[in-house]
Amino acid sequence: MNIINNILRNGIEYTNYETGLVDFIDFQVCNDNWIQYRIINEKLSREGVTRLRERDKNVGKRDSCSTPSYITFFTKPKMTKIEFDDKNEFRKIRDIIIAFGWMTLDFS
């Protein structure tokens, strides 16, 4: 399980369970990846892309009803999943992300 070390306005520093190394999830990069996905799938015009960038601040997806609860961030080359055994910890991290101006899609 990936472990959060620190959450900042621009991202999350965490220990990667696969490598044991400290990695960083950059919220702006995650949002750019999400926007790029939407541009391709929705075939948006330039005007549509501009409007989308102004209002869509999604950086990942979350599910509070699964066991364990999780947030998956739109990183590349693969998404990064953070799991939470404690629902209160999940809600705390979700709320901090929102307070910093970012969003996650609710898959609950």
PDB file of N, CA and C in Angstrom:
ATOM      1  N   MET A   1       0.849  -1.175   0.000  1.00  0.00           N
ATOM      2  CA  MET A   1       0.000   0.000   0.000  1.00  0.00           C
ATOM      3  C   MET A   1       0.897   1.241   0.000  1.00  0.00           C
ATOM      4  N   ASN A   2       0.612   2.187  -0.921  1.00  0.00           N
ATOM      5  CA  ASN A   2       1.333   3.454  -0.939  1.00  0.00           C
ATOM      6  C   ASN A   2       0.976   4.242   0.316  1.00  0.00           C
ATOM      7  N   ILE A   3       1.971   4.907   0.892  1.00  0.00           N
ATOM      8  CA  ILE A   3       1.770   5.628   2.149  1.00  0.00           C
ATOM      9  C   ILE A   3       2.047   7.112   1.940  1.00  0.00           C
ATOM     10  N   ILE A   4       1.073   7.953   2.297  1.00  0.00           N
ATOM     11  CA  ILE A   4       1.232   9.400   2.174  1.00  0.00           C
ATOM     12  C   ILE A   4       2.181   9.898   3.252  1.00  0.00           C
ATOM     13  N   ASN A   5       3.194  10.645   2.819  1.00  0.00           N
ATOM     14  CA  ASN A   5       4.136  11.274   3.747  1.00  0.00           C
ATOM     15  C   ASN A   5       3.749  12.720   4.024  1.00  0.00           C
ATOM     16  N   ASN A   6       3.286  13.409   2.965  1.00  0.00           N
ATOM     17  CA  ASN A   6       2.980  14.830   3.089  1.00  0.00           C
ATOM     18  C   ASN A   6       2.031  15.223   1.964  1.00  0.00           C
ATOM     19  N   ILE A   7       1.090  16.089   2.273  1.00  0.00           N
ATOM     20  CA  ILE A   7       0.209  16.621   1.231  1.00  0.00           C
ATOM     21  C   ILE A   7       0.407  18.125   1.163  1.00  0.00           C
ATOM     22  N   LEU A   8       0.651  18.598  -0.046  1.00  0.00           N
ATOM     23  CA  LEU A   8       0.945  20.003  -0.298  1.00  0.00           C
ATOM     24  C   LEU A   8      -0.103  20.565  -1.252  1.00  0.00           C
ATOM     25  N   ARG A   9      -0.104  21.869  -1.398  1.00  0.00           N
ATOM     26  CA  ARG A   9      -1.046  22.529  -2.299  1.00  0.00           C
ATOM     27  C   ARG A   9      -0.917  21.998  -3.731  1.00  0.00           C
ATOM     28  N   ASN A  10       0.286  21.643  -4.140  1.00  0.00           N
ATOM     29  CA  ASN A  10       0.504  21.217  -5.526  1.00  0.00           C
ATOM     30  C   ASN A  10       0.615  19.703  -5.701  1.00  0.00           C
ATOM     31  N   GLY A  11       0.511  18.924  -4.612  1.00  0.00           N
ATOM     32  CA  GLY A  11       0.588  17.482  -4.787  1.00  0.00           C
ATOM     33  C   GLY A  11       0.810  16.713  -3.500  1.00  0.00           C
ATOM     34  N   ILE A  12       1.088  15.426  -3.677  1.00  0.00           N
ATOM     35  CA  ILE A  12       1.256  14.515  -2.549  1.00  0.00           C
ATOM     36  C   ILE A  12       2.608  13.821  -2.646  1.00  0.00           C
ATOM     37  N   GLU A  13       3.338  13.875  -1.548  1.00  0.00           N
ATOM     38  CA  GLU A  13       4.583  13.115  -1.424  1.00  0.00           C
ATOM     39  C   GLU A  13       4.218  11.800  -0.736  1.00  0.00           C
ATOM     40  N   TYR A  14       4.621  10.685  -1.340  1.00  0.00           N
ATOM     41  CA  TYR A  14       4.253   9.389  -0.773  1.00  0.00           C
ATOM     42  C   TYR A  14       5.386   8.384  -0.962  1.00  0.00           C
ATOM     43  N   THR A  15       5.343   7.325  -0.167  1.00  0.00           N
ATOM     44  CA  THR A  15       6.288   6.226  -0.327  1.00  0.00           C
ATOM     45  C   THR A  15       5.636   5.172  -1.210  1.00  0.00           C
ATOM     46  N   ASN A  16       6.292   4.871  -2.330  1.00  0.00           N
ATOM     47  CA  ASN A  16       5.804   3.902  -3.299  1.00  0.00           C
ATOM     48  C   ASN A  16       6.054   2.497  -2.763  1.00  0.00           C
ATOM     49  N   TYR A  17       4.982   1.722  -2.583  1.00  0.00           N
ATOM     50  CA  TYR A  17       5.130   0.387  -1.993  1.00  0.00           C
ATOM     51  C   TYR A  17       5.894  -0.564  -2.907  1.00  0.00           C
ATOM     52  N   GLU A  18       5.874  -0.338  -4.234  1.00  0.00           N
ATOM     53  CA  GLU A  18       6.575  -1.226  -5.159  1.00  0.00           C
ATOM     54  C   GLU A  18       8.079  -1.029  -5.114  1.00  0.00           C
ATOM     55  N   THR A  19       8.508   0.235  -4.980  1.00  0.00           N
ATOM     56  CA  THR A  19       9.941   0.533  -5.033  1.00  0.00           C
ATOM     57  C   THR A  19      10.541   0.877  -3.676  1.00  0.00           C
ATOM     58  N   GLY A  20       9.701   1.283  -2.733  1.00  0.00           N
ATOM     59  CA  GLY A  20      10.195   1.741  -1.441  1.00  0.00           C
ATOM     60  C   GLY A  20      10.734   3.160  -1.489  1.00  0.00           C
ATOM     61  N   LEU A  21      10.645   3.797  -2.657  1.00  0.00           N
ATOM     62  CA  LEU A  21      11.164   5.149  -2.836  1.00  0.00           C
ATOM     63  C   LEU A  21      10.068   6.187  -2.610  1.00  0.00           C
ATOM     64  N   VAL A  22      10.499   7.392  -2.260  1.00  0.00           N
ATOM     65  CA  VAL A  22       9.567   8.507  -2.108  1.00  0.00           C
ATOM     66  C   VAL A  22       9.285   9.075  -3.498  1.00  0.00           C
ATOM     67  N   ASP A  23       8.003   9.199  -3.834  1.00  0.00           N
ATOM     68  CA  ASP A  23       7.557   9.745  -5.113  1.00  0.00           C
ATOM     69  C   ASP A  23       6.657  10.942  -4.861  1.00  0.00           C
ATOM     70  N   PHE A  24       6.333  11.651  -5.942  1.00  0.00           N
ATOM     71  CA  PHE A  24       5.491  12.835  -5.829  1.00  0.00           C
ATOM     72  C   PHE A  24       4.390  12.782  -6.877  1.00  0.00           C
ATOM     73  N   ILE A  25       3.168  12.996  -6.454  1.00  0.00           N
ATOM     74  CA  ILE A  25       2.019  13.116  -7.349  1.00  0.00           C
ATOM     75  C   ILE A  25       1.767  14.608  -7.534  1.00  0.00           C
ATOM     76  N   ASP A  26       1.986  15.105  -8.740  1.00  0.00           N
ATOM     77  CA  ASP A  26       1.796  16.517  -9.059  1.00  0.00           C
ATOM     78  C   ASP A  26       0.349  16.716  -9.530  1.00  0.00           C
ATOM     79  N   PHE A  27      -0.434  17.480  -8.765  1.00  0.00           N
ATOM     80  CA  PHE A  27      -1.842  17.673  -9.103  1.00  0.00           C
ATOM     81  C   PHE A  27      -2.034  18.312 -10.478  1.00  0.00           C
ATOM     82  N   GLN A  28      -1.184  19.270 -10.838  1.00  0.00           N
ATOM     83  CA  GLN A  28      -1.341  19.921 -12.148  1.00  0.00           C
ATOM     84  C   GLN A  28      -1.108  18.923 -13.279  1.00  0.00           C
ATOM     85  N   VAL A  29      -0.119  18.059 -13.130  1.00  0.00           N
ATOM     86  CA  VAL A  29       0.145  17.031 -14.148  1.00  0.00           C
ATOM     87  C   VAL A  29      -1.036  16.067 -14.239  1.00  0.00           C
ATOM     88  N   CYS A  30      -1.581  15.666 -13.090  1.00  0.00           N
ATOM     89  CA  CYS A  30      -2.752  14.777 -13.087  1.00  0.00           C
ATOM     90  C   CYS A  30      -3.930  15.437 -13.792  1.00  0.00           C
ATOM     91  N   ASN A  31      -4.145  16.715 -13.519  1.00  0.00           N
ATOM     92  CA  ASN A  31      -5.236  17.439 -14.167  1.00  0.00           C
ATOM     93  C   ASN A  31      -4.989  17.553 -15.671  1.00  0.00           C
ATOM     94  N   ASP A  32      -3.755  17.828 -16.069  1.00  0.00           N
ATOM     95  CA  ASP A  32      -3.424  17.896 -17.498  1.00  0.00           C
ATOM     96  C   ASP A  32      -3.713  16.555 -18.181  1.00  0.00           C
ATOM     97  N   ASN A  33      -3.365  15.447 -17.518  1.00  0.00           N
ATOM     98  CA  ASN A  33      -3.632  14.117 -18.077  1.00  0.00           C
ATOM     99  C   ASN A  33      -5.136  13.901 -18.243  1.00  0.00           C
ATOM    100  N   TRP A  34      -5.912  14.316 -17.248  1.00  0.00           N
ATOM    101  CA  TRP A  34      -7.367  14.186 -17.305  1.00  0.00           C
ATOM    102  C   TRP A  34      -7.952  15.036 -18.443  1.00  0.00           C
ATOM    103  N   ILE A  35      -7.490  16.269 -18.538  1.00  0.00           N
ATOM    104  CA  ILE A  35      -7.975  17.170 -19.592  1.00  0.00           C
ATOM    105  C   ILE A  35      -7.646  16.578 -20.959  1.00  0.00           C
ATOM    106  N   GLN A  36      -6.440  16.061 -21.116  1.00  0.00           N
ATOM    107  CA  GLN A  36      -6.028  15.455 -22.388  1.00  0.00           C
ATOM    108  C   GLN A  36      -6.936  14.277 -22.744  1.00  0.00           C
ATOM    109  N   TYR A  37      -7.257  13.471 -21.757  1.00  0.00           N
ATOM    110  CA  TYR A  37      -8.173  12.345 -21.958  1.00  0.00           C
ATOM    111  C   TYR A  37      -9.533  12.841 -22.457  1.00  0.00           C
ATOM    112  N   ARG A  38     -10.038  13.885 -21.822  1.00  0.00           N
ATOM    113  CA  ARG A  38     -11.349  14.418 -22.212  1.00  0.00           C
ATOM    114  C   ARG A  38     -11.310  15.046 -23.601  1.00  0.00           C
ATOM    115  N   ILE A  39     -10.225  15.732 -23.935  1.00  0.00           N
ATOM    116  CA  ILE A  39     -10.094  16.345 -25.263  1.00  0.00           C
ATOM    117  C   ILE A  39     -10.186  15.265 -26.337  1.00  0.00           C
ATOM    118  N   ILE A  40      -9.468  14.176 -26.141  1.00  0.00           N
ATOM    119  CA  ILE A  40      -9.452  13.086 -27.122  1.00  0.00           C
ATOM    120  C   ILE A  40     -10.824  12.423 -27.223  1.00  0.00           C
ATOM    121  N   ASN A  41     -11.416  12.101 -26.084  1.00  0.00           N
ATOM    122  CA  ASN A  41     -12.672  11.348 -26.085  1.00  0.00           C
ATOM    123  C   ASN A  41     -13.903  12.179 -26.436  1.00  0.00           C
ATOM    124  N   GLU A  42     -13.840  13.467 -26.171  1.00  0.00           N
ATOM    125  CA  GLU A  42     -15.000  14.319 -26.437  1.00  0.00           C
ATOM    126  C   GLU A  42     -14.834  15.171 -27.690  1.00  0.00           C
ATOM    127  N   LYS A  43     -13.646  15.072 -28.323  1.00  0.00           N
ATOM    128  CA  LYS A  43     -13.364  15.818 -29.556  1.00  0.00           C
ATOM    129  C   LYS A  43     -13.737  17.301 -29.399  1.00  0.00           C
ATOM    130  N   LEU A  44     -13.162  17.918 -28.398  1.00  0.00           N
ATOM    131  CA  LEU A  44     -13.504  19.296 -28.054  1.00  0.00           C
ATOM    132  C   LEU A  44     -12.864  20.304 -28.999  1.00  0.00           C
ATOM    133  N   SER A  45     -13.571  21.402 -29.224  1.00  0.00           N
ATOM    134  CA  SER A  45     -13.026  22.522 -29.986  1.00  0.00           C
ATOM    135  C   SER A  45     -12.038  23.281 -29.101  1.00  0.00           C
ATOM    136  N   ARG A  46     -11.310  24.212 -29.697  1.00  0.00           N
ATOM    137  CA  ARG A  46     -10.380  25.033 -28.896  1.00  0.00           C
ATOM    138  C   ARG A  46     -11.133  25.799 -27.815  1.00  0.00           C
ATOM    139  N   GLU A  47     -12.279  26.319 -28.186  1.00  0.00           N
ATOM    140  CA  GLU A  47     -13.097  27.052 -27.217  1.00  0.00           C
ATOM    141  C   GLU A  47     -13.552  26.116 -26.093  1.00  0.00           C
ATOM    142  N   GLY A  48     -13.939  24.913 -26.461  1.00  0.00           N
ATOM    143  CA  GLY A  48     -14.351  23.919 -25.469  1.00  0.00           C
ATOM    144  C   GLY A  48     -13.216  23.548 -24.538  1.00  0.00           C
ATOM    145  N   VAL A  49     -12.013  23.436 -25.080  1.00  0.00           N
ATOM    146  CA  VAL A  49     -10.834  23.116 -24.270  1.00  0.00           C
ATOM    147  C   VAL A  49     -10.551  24.244 -23.287  1.00  0.00           C
ATOM    148  N   THR A  50     -10.651  25.485 -23.756  1.00  0.00           N
ATOM    149  CA  THR A  50     -10.416  26.640 -22.883  1.00  0.00           C
ATOM    150  C   THR A  50     -11.408  26.646 -21.728  1.00  0.00           C
ATOM    151  N   ARG A  51     -12.678  26.430 -22.029  1.00  0.00           N
ATOM    152  CA  ARG A  51     -13.700  26.391 -20.968  1.00  0.00           C
ATOM    153  C   ARG A  51     -13.442  25.233 -20.008  1.00  0.00           C
ATOM    154  N   LEU A  52     -13.067  24.094 -20.565  1.00  0.00           N
ATOM    155  CA  LEU A  52     -12.797  22.914 -19.739  1.00  0.00           C
ATOM    156  C   LEU A  52     -11.647  23.180 -18.768  1.00  0.00           C
ATOM    157  N   ARG A  53     -10.562  23.756 -19.260  1.00  0.00           N
ATOM    158  CA  ARG A  53      -9.401  24.037 -18.399  1.00  0.00           C
ATOM    159  C   ARG A  53      -9.751  25.008 -17.273  1.00  0.00           C
ATOM    160  N   GLU A  54     -10.690  25.906 -17.523  1.00  0.00           N
ATOM    161  CA  GLU A  54     -11.093  26.882 -16.506  1.00  0.00           C
ATOM    162  C   GLU A  54     -11.904  26.249 -15.384  1.00  0.00           C
ATOM    163  N   ARG A  55     -12.692  25.233 -15.706  1.00  0.00           N
ATOM    164  CA  ARG A  55     -13.627  24.724 -14.703  1.00  0.00           C
ATOM    165  C   ARG A  55     -13.358  23.314 -14.200  1.00  0.00           C
ATOM    166  N   ASP A  56     -12.608  22.506 -14.930  1.00  0.00           N
ATOM    167  CA  ASP A  56     -12.403  21.111 -14.537  1.00  0.00           C
ATOM    168  C   ASP A  56     -11.065  20.967 -13.814  1.00  0.00           C
ATOM    169  N   LYS A  57     -11.119  20.719 -12.531  1.00  0.00           N
ATOM    170  CA  LYS A  57      -9.911  20.606 -11.707  1.00  0.00           C
ATOM    171  C   LYS A  57      -9.713  19.183 -11.175  1.00  0.00           C
ATOM    172  N   ASN A  58     -10.248  18.185 -11.890  1.00  0.00           N
ATOM    173  CA  ASN A  58     -10.110  16.797 -11.454  1.00  0.00           C
ATOM    174  C   ASN A  58      -8.672  16.310 -11.574  1.00  0.00           C
ATOM    175  N   VAL A  59      -8.234  15.602 -10.545  1.00  0.00           N
ATOM    176  CA  VAL A  59      -6.887  15.026 -10.519  1.00  0.00           C
ATOM    177  C   VAL A  59      -6.919  13.513 -10.311  1.00  0.00           C
ATOM    178  N   GLY A  60      -8.117  12.961 -10.073  1.00  0.00           N
ATOM    179  CA  GLY A  60      -8.214  11.524  -9.827  1.00  0.00           C
ATOM    180  C   GLY A  60      -9.645  11.093  -9.604  1.00  0.00           C
ATOM    181  N   LYS A  61      -9.781   9.857  -9.151  1.00  0.00           N
ATOM    182  CA  LYS A  61     -11.096   9.302  -8.825  1.00  0.00           C
ATOM    183  C   LYS A  61     -11.020   8.658  -7.452  1.00  0.00           C
ATOM    184  N   ARG A  62     -12.175   8.591  -6.772  1.00  0.00           N
ATOM    185  CA  ARG A  62     -12.176   8.068  -5.410  1.00  0.00           C
ATOM    186  C   ARG A  62     -13.390   7.171  -5.193  1.00  0.00           C
ATOM    187  N   ASP A  63     -13.262   6.288  -4.209  1.00  0.00           N
ATOM    188  CA  ASP A  63     -14.383   5.433  -3.819  1.00  0.00           C
ATOM    189  C   ASP A  63     -14.306   5.216  -2.319  1.00  0.00           C
ATOM    190  N   SER A  64     -15.254   5.810  -1.600  1.00  0.00           N
ATOM    191  CA  SER A  64     -15.276   5.683  -0.139  1.00  0.00           C
ATOM    192  C   SER A  64     -16.020   4.437   0.316  1.00  0.00           C
ATOM    193  N   CYS A  65     -16.774   3.810  -0.592  1.00  0.00           N
ATOM    194  CA  CYS A  65     -17.576   2.634  -0.221  1.00  0.00           C
ATOM    195  C   CYS A  65     -16.825   1.322  -0.406  1.00  0.00           C
ATOM    196  N   SER A  66     -15.747   1.337  -1.163  1.00  0.00           N
ATOM    197  CA  SER A  66     -14.988   0.100  -1.353  1.00  0.00           C
ATOM    198  C   SER A  66     -14.179  -0.198  -0.092  1.00  0.00           C
ATOM    199  N   THR A  67     -13.717  -1.421   0.008  1.00  0.00           N
ATOM    200  CA  THR A  67     -12.880  -1.799   1.144  1.00  0.00           C
ATOM    201  C   THR A  67     -11.548  -2.298   0.607  1.00  0.00           C
ATOM    202  N   PRO A  68     -10.467  -1.576   0.826  1.00  0.00           N
ATOM    203  CA  PRO A  68     -10.414  -0.286   1.517  1.00  0.00           C
ATOM    204  C   PRO A  68     -10.857   0.862   0.596  1.00  0.00           C
ATOM    205  N   SER A  69     -11.166   2.000   1.205  1.00  0.00           N
ATOM    206  CA  SER A  69     -11.445   3.222   0.443  1.00  0.00           C
ATOM    207  C   SER A  69     -10.170   3.605  -0.297  1.00  0.00           C
ATOM    208  N   TYR A  70     -10.319   4.320  -1.415  1.00  0.00           N
ATOM    209  CA  TYR A  70      -9.116   4.681  -2.168  1.00  0.00           C
ATOM    210  C   TYR A  70      -9.312   5.976  -2.945  1.00  0.00           C
ATOM    211  N   ILE A  71      -8.175   6.552  -3.318  1.00  0.00           N
ATOM    212  CA  ILE A  71      -8.114   7.631  -4.297  1.00  0.00           C
ATOM    213  C   ILE A  71      -7.077   7.195  -5.319  1.00  0.00           C
ATOM    214  N   THR A  72      -7.449   7.232  -6.599  1.00  0.00           N
ATOM    215  CA  THR A  72      -6.529   6.912  -7.683  1.00  0.00           C
ATOM    216  C   THR A  72      -6.262   8.195  -8.451  1.00  0.00           C
ATOM    217  N   PHE A  73      -4.988   8.540  -8.595  1.00  0.00           N
ATOM    218  CA  PHE A  73      -4.594   9.782  -9.260  1.00  0.00           C
ATOM    219  C   PHE A  73      -4.223   9.512 -10.710  1.00  0.00           C
ATOM    220  N   PHE A  74      -4.523  10.480 -11.582  1.00  0.00           N
ATOM    221  CA  PHE A  74      -4.293  10.350 -13.018  1.00  0.00           C
ATOM    222  C   PHE A  74      -2.832  10.615 -13.375  1.00  0.00           C
ATOM    223  N   THR A  75      -1.949   9.768 -12.878  1.00  0.00           N
ATOM    224  CA  THR A  75      -0.526   9.859 -13.187  1.00  0.00           C
ATOM    225  C   THR A  75      -0.230   9.004 -14.415  1.00  0.00           C
ATOM    226  N   LYS A  76       0.927   9.196 -15.001  1.00  0.00           N
ATOM    227  CA  LYS A  76       1.396   8.391 -16.133  1.00  0.00           C
ATOM    228  C   LYS A  76       2.783   7.869 -15.803  1.00  0.00           C
ATOM    229  N   PRO A  77       3.184   6.723 -16.291  1.00  0.00           N
ATOM    230  CA  PRO A  77       2.513   5.933 -17.320  1.00  0.00           C
ATOM    231  C   PRO A  77       1.324   5.127 -16.796  1.00  0.00           C
ATOM    232  N   LYS A  78       1.215   4.959 -15.486  1.00  0.00           N
ATOM    233  CA  LYS A  78       0.026   4.301 -14.939  1.00  0.00           C
ATOM    234  C   LYS A  78      -0.499   5.132 -13.782  1.00  0.00           C
ATOM    235  N   MET A  79      -1.766   4.927 -13.463  1.00  0.00           N
ATOM    236  CA  MET A  79      -2.373   5.680 -12.369  1.00  0.00           C
ATOM    237  C   MET A  79      -1.795   5.227 -11.030  1.00  0.00           C
ATOM    238  N   THR A  80      -1.821   6.133 -10.057  1.00  0.00           N
ATOM    239  CA  THR A  80      -1.303   5.853  -8.717  1.00  0.00           C
ATOM    240  C   THR A  80      -2.467   5.767  -7.743  1.00  0.00           C
ATOM    241  N   LYS A  81      -2.552   4.634  -7.057  1.00  0.00           N
ATOM    242  CA  LYS A  81      -3.657   4.382  -6.131  1.00  0.00           C
ATOM    243  C   LYS A  81      -3.167   4.472  -4.694  1.00  0.00           C
ATOM    244  N   ILE A  82      -3.908   5.235  -3.884  1.00  0.00           N
ATOM    245  CA  ILE A  82      -3.641   5.328  -2.451  1.00  0.00           C
ATOM    246  C   ILE A  82      -4.857   4.733  -1.749  1.00  0.00           C
ATOM    247  N   GLU A  83      -4.630   3.732  -0.911  1.00  0.00           N
ATOM    248  CA  GLU A  83      -5.720   3.074  -0.193  1.00  0.00           C
ATOM    249  C   GLU A  83      -5.729   3.516   1.264  1.00  0.00           C
ATOM    250  N   PHE A  84      -6.929   3.494   1.849  1.00  0.00           N
ATOM    251  CA  PHE A  84      -7.122   3.948   3.220  1.00  0.00           C
ATOM    252  C   PHE A  84      -7.907   2.899   3.997  1.00  0.00           C
ATOM    253  N   ASP A  85      -7.299   2.339   5.026  1.00  0.00           N
ATOM    254  CA  ASP A  85      -8.016   1.425   5.911  1.00  0.00           C
ATOM    255  C   ASP A  85      -8.955   2.197   6.834  1.00  0.00           C
ATOM    256  N   ASP A  86      -8.617   3.455   7.089  1.00  0.00           N
ATOM    257  CA  ASP A  86      -9.371   4.317   7.996  1.00  0.00           C
ATOM    258  C   ASP A  86     -10.202   5.317   7.181  1.00  0.00           C
ATOM    259  N   LYS A  87     -11.525   5.237   7.282  1.00  0.00           N
ATOM    260  CA  LYS A  87     -12.426   6.135   6.533  1.00  0.00           C
ATOM    261  C   LYS A  87     -12.202   7.602   6.911  1.00  0.00           C
ATOM    262  N   ASN A  88     -11.869   7.859   8.169  1.00  0.00           N
ATOM    263  CA  ASN A  88     -11.615   9.238   8.592  1.00  0.00           C
ATOM    264  C   ASN A  88     -10.383   9.802   7.899  1.00  0.00           C
ATOM    265  N   GLU A  89      -9.355   8.983   7.745  1.00  0.00           N
ATOM    266  CA  GLU A  89      -8.139   9.423   7.043  1.00  0.00           C
ATOM    267  C   GLU A  89      -8.469   9.697   5.570  1.00  0.00           C
ATOM    268  N   PHE A  90      -9.262   8.833   4.968  1.00  0.00           N
ATOM    269  CA  PHE A  90      -9.706   9.034   3.584  1.00  0.00           C
ATOM    270  C   PHE A  90     -10.409  10.388   3.446  1.00  0.00           C
ATOM    271  N   ARG A  91     -11.384  10.649   4.328  1.00  0.00           N
ATOM    272  CA  ARG A  91     -12.145  11.900   4.268  1.00  0.00           C
ATOM    273  C   ARG A  91     -11.238  13.111   4.491  1.00  0.00           C
ATOM    274  N   LYS A  92     -10.290  12.975   5.403  1.00  0.00           N
ATOM    275  CA  LYS A  92      -9.360  14.070   5.693  1.00  0.00           C
ATOM    276  C   LYS A  92      -8.548  14.426   4.440  1.00  0.00           C
ATOM    277  N   ILE A  93      -7.987  13.424   3.775  1.00  0.00           N
ATOM    278  CA  ILE A  93      -7.185  13.670   2.571  1.00  0.00           C
ATOM    279  C   ILE A  93      -8.068  14.224   1.454  1.00  0.00           C
ATOM    280  N   ARG A  94      -9.258  13.652   1.270  1.00  0.00           N
ATOM    281  CA  ARG A  94     -10.204  14.156   0.265  1.00  0.00           C
ATOM    282  C   ARG A  94     -10.501  15.635   0.510  1.00  0.00           C
ATOM    283  N   ASP A  95     -10.765  15.991   1.754  1.00  0.00           N
ATOM    284  CA  ASP A  95     -11.106  17.372   2.094  1.00  0.00           C
ATOM    285  C   ASP A  95      -9.929  18.321   1.893  1.00  0.00           C
ATOM    286  N   ILE A  96      -8.727  17.869   2.171  1.00  0.00           N
ATOM    287  CA  ILE A  96      -7.540  18.708   1.946  1.00  0.00           C
ATOM    288  C   ILE A  96      -7.367  18.971   0.454  1.00  0.00           C
ATOM    289  N   ILE A  97      -7.535  17.939  -0.362  1.00  0.00           N
ATOM    290  CA  ILE A  97      -7.423  18.104  -1.817  1.00  0.00           C
ATOM    291  C   ILE A  97      -8.433  19.148  -2.294  1.00  0.00           C
ATOM    292  N   ILE A  98      -9.659  19.066  -1.807  1.00  0.00           N
ATOM    293  CA  ILE A  98     -10.700  20.032  -2.178  1.00  0.00           C
ATOM    294  C   ILE A  98     -10.331  21.434  -1.694  1.00  0.00           C
ATOM    295  N   ALA A  99      -9.831  21.545  -0.471  1.00  0.00           N
ATOM    296  CA  ALA A  99      -9.446  22.851   0.082  1.00  0.00           C
ATOM    297  C   ALA A  99      -8.347  23.507  -0.749  1.00  0.00           C
ATOM    298  N   PHE A 100      -7.502  22.690  -1.376  1.00  0.00           N
ATOM    299  CA  PHE A 100      -6.428  23.214  -2.221  1.00  0.00           C
ATOM    300  C   PHE A 100      -6.913  23.540  -3.635  1.00  0.00           C
ATOM    301  N   GLY A 101      -8.211  23.355  -3.901  1.00  0.00           N
ATOM    302  CA  GLY A 101      -8.778  23.756  -5.184  1.00  0.00           C
ATOM    303  C   GLY A 101      -8.847  22.663  -6.232  1.00  0.00           C
ATOM    304  N   TRP A 102      -8.597  21.420  -5.843  1.00  0.00           N
ATOM    305  CA  TRP A 102      -8.626  20.296  -6.778  1.00  0.00           C
ATOM    306  C   TRP A 102      -9.823  19.412  -6.475  1.00  0.00           C
ATOM    307  N   MET A 103     -10.172  18.531  -7.399  1.00  0.00           N
ATOM    308  CA  MET A 103     -11.317  17.640  -7.229  1.00  0.00           C
ATOM    309  C   MET A 103     -10.930  16.211  -7.613  1.00  0.00           C
ATOM    310  N   THR A 104     -11.714  15.262  -7.119  1.00  0.00           N
ATOM    311  CA  THR A 104     -11.618  13.875  -7.563  1.00  0.00           C
ATOM    312  C   THR A 104     -13.030  13.410  -7.900  1.00  0.00           C
ATOM    313  N   LEU A 105     -13.135  12.560  -8.898  1.00  0.00           N
ATOM    314  CA  LEU A 105     -14.429  12.021  -9.309  1.00  0.00           C
ATOM    315  C   LEU A 105     -14.883  10.994  -8.289  1.00  0.00           C
ATOM    316  N   ASP A 106     -16.149  11.063  -7.892  1.00  0.00           N
ATOM    317  CA  ASP A 106     -16.685  10.158  -6.871  1.00  0.00           C
ATOM    318  C   ASP A 106     -17.258   8.907  -7.530  1.00  0.00           C
ATOM    319  N   PHE A 107     -16.619   7.766  -7.298  1.00  0.00           N
ATOM    320  CA  PHE A 107     -17.071   6.481  -7.831  1.00  0.00           C
ATOM    321  C   PHE A 107     -17.817   5.678  -6.777  1.00  0.00           C
ATOM    322  N   SER A 108     -18.163   6.299  -5.644  1.00  0.00           N
ATOM    323  CA  SER A 108     -18.855   5.595  -4.556  1.00  0.00           C
ATOM    324  C   SER A 108     -20.258   5.203  -4.969  1.00  0.00           C
TER     325      SER A 108
END
